[in-house]
Amino acid sequence: MYKVKIFVTLRESVLDPQGTAVKNSLYSMSYTEVEEVRIGKYMELTLKKSDRDVEEVVREMCDRLLANPVIEDYRYEIEECVGQ
């Protein structure tokens, strides 16, 4: 089995109104050190082993469903679960 952690974020060129709202709220709460906030998504998947390459499967899932490749970037970490 594999444990996959997927991080999806808006591309730098895409405005992030939710991040701006959070930044403004933090600033109004006197957290003036905060210069920028970008909001993203985090997912954890557990995949069983198959004949397919696990990285290929993860990239395919991200490109087809989990991330919008037009406006979002993603990265992932794959960890093999030992003893399962």
PDB file of N, CA and C in Angstrom:
ATOM      1  N   MET A   1       0.840  -1.180   0.000  1.00  0.00           N
ATOM      2  CA  MET A   1       0.000   0.000   0.000  1.00  0.00           C
ATOM      3  C   MET A   1       0.880   1.236   0.000  1.00  0.00           C
ATOM      4  N   TYR A   2       0.276   2.302  -0.482  1.00  0.00           N
ATOM      5  CA  TYR A   2       0.971   3.587  -0.506  1.00  0.00           C
ATOM      6  C   TYR A   2       0.099   4.640   0.160  1.00  0.00           C
ATOM      7  N   LYS A   3       0.732   5.529   0.889  1.00  0.00           N
ATOM      8  CA  LYS A   3       0.068   6.717   1.415  1.00  0.00           C
ATOM      9  C   LYS A   3       0.552   7.881   0.559  1.00  0.00           C
ATOM     10  N   VAL A   4      -0.396   8.600  -0.028  1.00  0.00           N
ATOM     11  CA  VAL A   4      -0.060   9.704  -0.923  1.00  0.00           C
ATOM     12  C   VAL A   4      -0.609  11.004  -0.330  1.00  0.00           C
ATOM     13  N   LYS A   5       0.261  11.995  -0.211  1.00  0.00           N
ATOM     14  CA  LYS A   5      -0.137  13.326   0.253  1.00  0.00           C
ATOM     15  C   LYS A   5      -0.070  14.258  -0.950  1.00  0.00           C
ATOM     16  N   ILE A   6      -1.186  14.927  -1.228  1.00  0.00           N
ATOM     17  CA  ILE A   6      -1.270  15.804  -2.396  1.00  0.00           C
ATOM     18  C   ILE A   6      -1.551  17.228  -1.926  1.00  0.00           C
ATOM     19  N   PHE A   7      -0.753  18.162  -2.424  1.00  0.00           N
ATOM     20  CA  PHE A   7      -0.884  19.575  -2.094  1.00  0.00           C
ATOM     21  C   PHE A   7      -1.230  20.329  -3.380  1.00  0.00           C
ATOM     22  N   VAL A   8      -2.362  21.017  -3.384  1.00  0.00           N
ATOM     23  CA  VAL A   8      -2.813  21.759  -4.571  1.00  0.00           C
ATOM     24  C   VAL A   8      -2.867  23.239  -4.201  1.00  0.00           C
ATOM     25  N   THR A   9      -2.234  24.071  -5.027  1.00  0.00           N
ATOM     26  CA  THR A   9      -2.246  25.516  -4.790  1.00  0.00           C
ATOM     27  C   THR A   9      -2.541  26.248  -6.083  1.00  0.00           C
ATOM     28  N   LEU A  10      -3.086  27.451  -5.934  1.00  0.00           N
ATOM     29  CA  LEU A  10      -3.297  28.293  -7.109  1.00  0.00           C
ATOM     30  C   LEU A  10      -1.948  28.690  -7.684  1.00  0.00           C
ATOM     31  N   ARG A  11      -1.882  28.786  -8.989  1.00  0.00           N
ATOM     32  CA  ARG A  11      -0.645  29.269  -9.613  1.00  0.00           C
ATOM     33  C   ARG A  11      -0.368  30.692  -9.160  1.00  0.00           C
ATOM     34  N   GLU A  12       0.889  31.049  -9.135  1.00  0.00           N
ATOM     35  CA  GLU A  12       1.284  32.389  -8.682  1.00  0.00           C
ATOM     36  C   GLU A  12       0.608  33.492  -9.495  1.00  0.00           C
ATOM     37  N   SER A  13       0.339  33.236 -10.766  1.00  0.00           N
ATOM     38  CA  SER A  13      -0.255  34.247 -11.639  1.00  0.00           C
ATOM     39  C   SER A  13      -1.759  34.409 -11.424  1.00  0.00           C
ATOM     40  N   VAL A  14      -2.372  33.553 -10.610  1.00  0.00           N
ATOM     41  CA  VAL A  14      -3.811  33.590 -10.374  1.00  0.00           C
ATOM     42  C   VAL A  14      -4.086  34.319  -9.063  1.00  0.00           C
ATOM     43  N   LEU A  15      -5.004  35.285  -9.108  1.00  0.00           N
ATOM     44  CA  LEU A  15      -5.377  36.002  -7.899  1.00  0.00           C
ATOM     45  C   LEU A  15      -6.043  35.045  -6.918  1.00  0.00           C
ATOM     46  N   ASP A  16      -5.823  35.291  -5.633  1.00  0.00           N
ATOM     47  CA  ASP A  16      -6.365  34.440  -4.580  1.00  0.00           C
ATOM     48  C   ASP A  16      -7.197  35.307  -3.628  1.00  0.00           C
ATOM     49  N   PRO A  17      -8.471  35.565  -3.970  1.00  0.00           N
ATOM     50  CA  PRO A  17      -9.289  36.446  -3.117  1.00  0.00           C
ATOM     51  C   PRO A  17      -9.494  35.894  -1.708  1.00  0.00           C
ATOM     52  N   GLN A  18      -9.572  34.579  -1.568  1.00  0.00           N
ATOM     53  CA  GLN A  18      -9.729  33.995  -0.240  1.00  0.00           C
ATOM     54  C   GLN A  18      -8.465  34.234   0.589  1.00  0.00           C
ATOM     55  N   GLY A  19      -7.307  34.073  -0.035  1.00  0.00           N
ATOM     56  CA  GLY A  19      -6.051  34.354   0.649  1.00  0.00           C
ATOM     57  C   GLY A  19      -5.947  35.811   1.063  1.00  0.00           C
ATOM     58  N   THR A  20      -6.400  36.708   0.190  1.00  0.00           N
ATOM     59  CA  THR A  20      -6.382  38.142   0.503  1.00  0.00           C
ATOM     60  C   THR A  20      -7.290  38.446   1.688  1.00  0.00           C
ATOM     61  N   ALA A  21      -8.471  37.834   1.729  1.00  0.00           N
ATOM     62  CA  ALA A  21      -9.397  38.051   2.848  1.00  0.00           C
ATOM     63  C   ALA A  21      -8.788  37.563   4.158  1.00  0.00           C
ATOM     64  N   VAL A  22      -8.139  36.405   4.133  1.00  0.00           N
ATOM     65  CA  VAL A  22      -7.502  35.879   5.344  1.00  0.00           C
ATOM     66  C   VAL A  22      -6.359  36.795   5.770  1.00  0.00           C
ATOM     67  N   LYS A  23      -5.574  37.241   4.810  1.00  0.00           N
ATOM     68  CA  LYS A  23      -4.462  38.157   5.130  1.00  0.00           C
ATOM     69  C   LYS A  23      -4.994  39.425   5.786  1.00  0.00           C
ATOM     70  N   ASN A  24      -6.051  40.005   5.220  1.00  0.00           N
ATOM     71  CA  ASN A  24      -6.614  41.232   5.785  1.00  0.00           C
ATOM     72  C   ASN A  24      -7.160  40.999   7.188  1.00  0.00           C
ATOM     73  N   SER A  25      -7.782  39.850   7.415  1.00  0.00           N
ATOM     74  CA  SER A  25      -8.301  39.530   8.749  1.00  0.00           C
ATOM     75  C   SER A  25      -7.160  39.369   9.751  1.00  0.00           C
ATOM     76  N   LEU A  26      -6.103  38.681   9.350  1.00  0.00           N
ATOM     77  CA  LEU A  26      -4.946  38.533  10.233  1.00  0.00           C
ATOM     78  C   LEU A  26      -4.327  39.892  10.551  1.00  0.00           C
ATOM     79  N   TYR A  27      -4.230  40.748   9.537  1.00  0.00           N
ATOM     80  CA  TYR A  27      -3.670  42.078   9.728  1.00  0.00           C
ATOM     81  C   TYR A  27      -4.522  42.881  10.713  1.00  0.00           C
ATOM     82  N   SER A  28      -5.858  42.766  10.570  1.00  0.00           N
ATOM     83  CA  SER A  28      -6.745  43.500  11.474  1.00  0.00           C
ATOM     84  C   SER A  28      -6.674  42.957  12.899  1.00  0.00           C
ATOM     85  N   MET A  29      -6.176  41.734  13.054  1.00  0.00           N
ATOM     86  CA  MET A  29      -5.998  41.140  14.381  1.00  0.00           C
ATOM     87  C   MET A  29      -4.583  41.407  14.915  1.00  0.00           C
ATOM     88  N   SER A  30      -3.882  42.327  14.290  1.00  0.00           N
ATOM     89  CA  SER A  30      -2.542  42.780  14.685  1.00  0.00           C
ATOM     90  C   SER A  30      -1.426  41.812  14.315  1.00  0.00           C
ATOM     91  N   TYR A  31      -1.683  40.880  13.400  1.00  0.00           N
ATOM     92  CA  TYR A  31      -0.617  40.030  12.865  1.00  0.00           C
ATOM     93  C   TYR A  31      -0.025  40.716  11.639  1.00  0.00           C
ATOM     94  N   THR A  32       0.637  41.821  11.882  1.00  0.00           N
ATOM     95  CA  THR A  32       1.141  42.658  10.796  1.00  0.00           C
ATOM     96  C   THR A  32       2.363  42.065  10.113  1.00  0.00           C
ATOM     97  N   GLU A  33       2.910  40.978  10.663  1.00  0.00           N
ATOM     98  CA  GLU A  33       4.058  40.322  10.038  1.00  0.00           C
ATOM     99  C   GLU A  33       3.673  39.587   8.759  1.00  0.00           C
ATOM    100  N   VAL A  34       2.397  39.245   8.615  1.00  0.00           N
ATOM    101  CA  VAL A  34       1.939  38.462   7.468  1.00  0.00           C
ATOM    102  C   VAL A  34       1.945  39.342   6.221  1.00  0.00           C
ATOM    103  N   GLU A  35       2.691  38.921   5.217  1.00  0.00           N
ATOM    104  CA  GLU A  35       2.770  39.675   3.970  1.00  0.00           C
ATOM    105  C   GLU A  35       1.888  39.092   2.876  1.00  0.00           C
ATOM    106  N   GLU A  36       1.716  37.763   2.865  1.00  0.00           N
ATOM    107  CA  GLU A  36       0.912  37.140   1.827  1.00  0.00           C
ATOM    108  C   GLU A  36       0.327  35.836   2.349  1.00  0.00           C
ATOM    109  N   VAL A  37      -0.891  35.519   1.892  1.00  0.00           N
ATOM    110  CA  VAL A  37      -1.541  34.263   2.223  1.00  0.00           C
ATOM    111  C   VAL A  37      -2.052  33.656   0.923  1.00  0.00           C
ATOM    112  N   ARG A  38      -1.745  32.404   0.702  1.00  0.00           N
ATOM    113  CA  ARG A  38      -2.265  31.651  -0.446  1.00  0.00           C
ATOM    114  C   ARG A  38      -3.010  30.457   0.132  1.00  0.00           C
ATOM    115  N   ILE A  39      -4.224  30.253  -0.303  1.00  0.00           N
ATOM    116  CA  ILE A  39      -5.058  29.163   0.182  1.00  0.00           C
ATOM    117  C   ILE A  39      -4.952  27.996  -0.801  1.00  0.00           C
ATOM    118  N   GLY A  40      -4.892  26.792  -0.284  1.00  0.00           N
ATOM    119  CA  GLY A  40      -4.793  25.619  -1.138  1.00  0.00           C
ATOM    120  C   GLY A  40      -5.599  24.465  -0.582  1.00  0.00           C
ATOM    121  N   LYS A  41      -5.360  23.282  -1.141  1.00  0.00           N
ATOM    122  CA  LYS A  41      -6.049  22.068  -0.712  1.00  0.00           C
ATOM    123  C   LYS A  41      -5.004  21.019  -0.359  1.00  0.00           C
ATOM    124  N   TYR A  42      -5.353  20.175   0.603  1.00  0.00           N
ATOM    125  CA  TYR A  42      -4.497  19.072   1.006  1.00  0.00           C
ATOM    126  C   TYR A  42      -5.346  17.815   1.020  1.00  0.00           C
ATOM    127  N   MET A  43      -4.829  16.749   0.421  1.00  0.00           N
ATOM    128  CA  MET A  43      -5.546  15.483   0.377  1.00  0.00           C
ATOM    129  C   MET A  43      -4.603  14.353   0.745  1.00  0.00           C
ATOM    130  N   GLU A  44      -5.142  13.333   1.399  1.00  0.00           N
ATOM    131  CA  GLU A  44      -4.395  12.106   1.665  1.00  0.00           C
ATOM    132  C   GLU A  44      -5.151  10.958   1.031  1.00  0.00           C
ATOM    133  N   LEU A  45      -4.454  10.144   0.267  1.00  0.00           N
ATOM    134  CA  LEU A  45      -5.040   8.975  -0.366  1.00  0.00           C
ATOM    135  C   LEU A  45      -4.246   7.748   0.062  1.00  0.00           C
ATOM    136  N   THR A  46      -4.931   6.648   0.203  1.00  0.00           N
ATOM    137  CA  THR A  46      -4.276   5.365   0.411  1.00  0.00           C
ATOM    138  C   THR A  46      -4.540   4.535  -0.831  1.00  0.00           C
ATOM    139  N   LEU A  47      -3.473   4.098  -1.476  1.00  0.00           N
ATOM    140  CA  LEU A  47      -3.592   3.335  -2.714  1.00  0.00           C
ATOM    141  C   LEU A  47      -3.046   1.931  -2.508  1.00  0.00           C
ATOM    142  N   LYS A  48      -3.749   0.965  -3.035  1.00  0.00           N
ATOM    143  CA  LYS A  48      -3.222  -0.392  -2.999  1.00  0.00           C
ATOM    144  C   LYS A  48      -2.255  -0.569  -4.164  1.00  0.00           C
ATOM    145  N   LYS A  49      -1.337  -1.475  -4.023  1.00  0.00           N
ATOM    146  CA  LYS A  49      -0.378  -1.740  -5.089  1.00  0.00           C
ATOM    147  C   LYS A  49      -1.091  -2.365  -6.276  1.00  0.00           C
ATOM    148  N   SER A  50      -0.617  -2.007  -7.468  1.00  0.00           N
ATOM    149  CA  SER A  50      -1.174  -2.580  -8.695  1.00  0.00           C
ATOM    150  C   SER A  50      -0.045  -2.721  -9.705  1.00  0.00           C
ATOM    151  N   ASP A  51      -0.395  -3.168 -10.888  1.00  0.00           N
ATOM    152  CA  ASP A  51       0.599  -3.310 -11.953  1.00  0.00           C
ATOM    153  C   ASP A  51       1.028  -1.958 -12.503  1.00  0.00           C
ATOM    154  N   ARG A  52       0.236  -0.925 -12.256  1.00  0.00           N
ATOM    155  CA  ARG A  52       0.552   0.413 -12.766  1.00  0.00           C
ATOM    156  C   ARG A  52       1.560   1.113 -11.858  1.00  0.00           C
ATOM    157  N   ASP A  53       2.342   1.992 -12.439  1.00  0.00           N
ATOM    158  CA  ASP A  53       3.293   2.798 -11.685  1.00  0.00           C
ATOM    159  C   ASP A  53       2.527   3.784 -10.810  1.00  0.00           C
ATOM    160  N   VAL A  54       2.827   3.817  -9.508  1.00  0.00           N
ATOM    161  CA  VAL A  54       2.069   4.644  -8.574  1.00  0.00           C
ATOM    162  C   VAL A  54       2.176   6.128  -8.919  1.00  0.00           C
ATOM    163  N   GLU A  55       3.345   6.591  -9.351  1.00  0.00           N
ATOM    164  CA  GLU A  55       3.478   8.005  -9.707  1.00  0.00           C
ATOM    165  C   GLU A  55       2.625   8.346 -10.916  1.00  0.00           C
ATOM    166  N   GLU A  56       2.577   7.465 -11.873  1.00  0.00           N
ATOM    167  CA  GLU A  56       1.742   7.682 -13.051  1.00  0.00           C
ATOM    168  C   GLU A  56       0.274   7.788 -12.654  1.00  0.00           C
ATOM    169  N   VAL A  57      -0.157   6.917 -11.761  1.00  0.00           N
ATOM    170  CA  VAL A  57      -1.551   6.928 -11.293  1.00  0.00           C
ATOM    171  C   VAL A  57      -1.863   8.242 -10.575  1.00  0.00           C
ATOM    172  N   VAL A  58      -0.970   8.683  -9.688  1.00  0.00           N
ATOM    173  CA  VAL A  58      -1.194   9.918  -8.936  1.00  0.00           C
ATOM    174  C   VAL A  58      -1.241  11.116  -9.872  1.00  0.00           C
ATOM    175  N   ARG A  59      -0.306  11.210 -10.802  1.00  0.00           N
ATOM    176  CA  ARG A  59      -0.320  12.328 -11.761  1.00  0.00           C
ATOM    177  C   ARG A  59      -1.610  12.346 -12.570  1.00  0.00           C
ATOM    178  N   GLU A  60      -2.036  11.166 -13.004  1.00  0.00           N
ATOM    179  CA  GLU A  60      -3.263  11.070 -13.797  1.00  0.00           C
ATOM    180  C   GLU A  60      -4.475  11.543 -12.986  1.00  0.00           C
ATOM    181  N   MET A  61      -4.572  11.115 -11.729  1.00  0.00           N
ATOM    182  CA  MET A  61      -5.691  11.539 -10.882  1.00  0.00           C
ATOM    183  C   MET A  61      -5.676  13.055 -10.667  1.00  0.00           C
ATOM    184  N   CYS A  62      -4.500  13.601 -10.431  1.00  0.00           N
ATOM    185  CA  CYS A  62      -4.394  15.048 -10.227  1.00  0.00           C
ATOM    186  C   CYS A  62      -4.783  15.812 -11.483  1.00  0.00           C
ATOM    187  N   ASP A  63      -4.274  15.383 -12.631  1.00  0.00           N
ATOM    188  CA  ASP A  63      -4.560  16.075 -13.888  1.00  0.00           C
ATOM    189  C   ASP A  63      -6.023  15.964 -14.302  1.00  0.00           C
ATOM    190  N   ARG A  64      -6.654  14.842 -13.980  1.00  0.00           N
ATOM    191  CA  ARG A  64      -8.022  14.605 -14.434  1.00  0.00           C
ATOM    192  C   ARG A  64      -9.091  15.073 -13.459  1.00  0.00           C
ATOM    193  N   LEU A  65      -8.779  15.116 -12.148  1.00  0.00           N
ATOM    194  CA  LEU A  65      -9.833  15.430 -11.185  1.00  0.00           C
ATOM    195  C   LEU A  65      -9.397  16.298 -10.010  1.00  0.00           C
ATOM    196  N   LEU A  66      -8.300  15.970  -9.377  1.00  0.00           N
ATOM    197  CA  LEU A  66      -7.977  16.579  -8.091  1.00  0.00           C
ATOM    198  C   LEU A  66      -7.460  18.010  -8.187  1.00  0.00           C
ATOM    199  N   ALA A  67      -6.913  18.392  -9.322  1.00  0.00           N
ATOM    200  CA  ALA A  67      -6.424  19.763  -9.524  1.00  0.00           C
ATOM    201  C   ALA A  67      -6.909  20.259 -10.870  1.00  0.00           C
ATOM    202  N   ASN A  68      -7.090  21.559 -10.957  1.00  0.00           N
ATOM    203  CA  ASN A  68      -7.434  22.184 -12.232  1.00  0.00           C
ATOM    204  C   ASN A  68      -6.122  22.666 -12.854  1.00  0.00           C
ATOM    205  N   PRO A  69      -5.601  21.950 -13.842  1.00  0.00           N
ATOM    206  CA  PRO A  69      -4.279  22.282 -14.373  1.00  0.00           C
ATOM    207  C   PRO A  69      -4.194  23.653 -15.048  1.00  0.00           C
ATOM    208  N   VAL A  70      -5.328  24.274 -15.309  1.00  0.00           N
ATOM    209  CA  VAL A  70      -5.316  25.611 -15.915  1.00  0.00           C
ATOM    210  C   VAL A  70      -4.909  26.664 -14.893  1.00  0.00           C
ATOM    211  N   ILE A  71      -5.383  26.518 -13.651  1.00  0.00           N
ATOM    212  CA  ILE A  71      -5.126  27.557 -12.651  1.00  0.00           C
ATOM    213  C   ILE A  71      -4.397  27.061 -11.407  1.00  0.00           C
ATOM    214  N   GLU A  72      -4.185  25.740 -11.294  1.00  0.00           N
ATOM    215  CA  GLU A  72      -3.576  25.208 -10.084  1.00  0.00           C
ATOM    216  C   GLU A  72      -2.321  24.389 -10.389  1.00  0.00           C
ATOM    217  N   ASP A  73      -1.407  24.415  -9.436  1.00  0.00           N
ATOM    218  CA  ASP A  73      -0.239  23.546  -9.451  1.00  0.00           C
ATOM    219  C   ASP A  73      -0.427  22.513  -8.348  1.00  0.00           C
ATOM    220  N   TYR A  74       0.266  21.406  -8.476  1.00  0.00           N
ATOM    221  CA  TYR A  74       0.201  20.411  -7.415  1.00  0.00           C
ATOM    222  C   TYR A  74       1.563  19.765  -7.244  1.00  0.00           C
ATOM    223  N   ARG A  75       1.732  19.226  -6.060  1.00  0.00           N
ATOM    224  CA  ARG A  75       2.896  18.399  -5.761  1.00  0.00           C
ATOM    225  C   ARG A  75       2.396  17.289  -4.863  1.00  0.00           C
ATOM    226  N   TYR A  76       3.165  16.231  -4.798  1.00  0.00           N
ATOM    227  CA  TYR A  76       2.730  15.095  -3.995  1.00  0.00           C
ATOM    228  C   TYR A  76       3.922  14.387  -3.388  1.00  0.00           C
ATOM    229  N   GLU A  77       3.628  13.648  -2.321  1.00  0.00           N
ATOM    230  CA  GLU A  77       4.612  12.805  -1.645  1.00  0.00           C
ATOM    231  C   GLU A  77       4.021  11.407  -1.569  1.00  0.00           C
ATOM    232  N   ILE A  78       4.820  10.421  -1.919  1.00  0.00           N
ATOM    233  CA  ILE A  78       4.372   9.032  -1.871  1.00  0.00           C
ATOM    234  C   ILE A  78       5.217   8.290  -0.845  1.00  0.00           C
ATOM    235  N   GLU A  79       4.518   7.615   0.050  1.00  0.00           N
ATOM    236  CA  GLU A  79       5.193   6.851   1.099  1.00  0.00           C
ATOM    237  C   GLU A  79       4.685   5.416   1.041  1.00  0.00           C
ATOM    238  N   GLU A  80       5.592   4.484   0.938  1.00  0.00           N
ATOM    239  CA  GLU A  80       5.178   3.087   0.930  1.00  0.00           C
ATOM    240  C   GLU A  80       4.905   2.653   2.357  1.00  0.00           C
ATOM    241  N   CYS A  81       3.735   2.083   2.593  1.00  0.00           N
ATOM    242  CA  CYS A  81       3.351   1.606   3.917  1.00  0.00           C
ATOM    243  C   CYS A  81       3.892   0.205   4.100  1.00  0.00           C
ATOM    244  N   VAL A  82       4.745   0.015   5.074  1.00  0.00           N
ATOM    245  CA  VAL A  82       5.376  -1.272   5.314  1.00  0.00           C
ATOM    246  C   VAL A  82       4.484  -2.110   6.216  1.00  0.00           C
ATOM    247  N   GLY A  83       4.388  -3.391   5.886  1.00  0.00           N
ATOM    248  CA  GLY A  83       3.671  -4.322   6.746  1.00  0.00           C
ATOM    249  C   GLY A  83       2.156  -4.298   6.584  1.00  0.00           C
ATOM    250  N   GLN A  84       1.675  -3.753   5.495  1.00  0.00           N
ATOM    251  CA  GLN A  84       0.217  -3.730   5.289  1.00  0.00           C
ATOM    252  C   GLN A  84      -0.144  -4.454   4.039  1.00  0.00           C
TER     253      GLN A  84
END
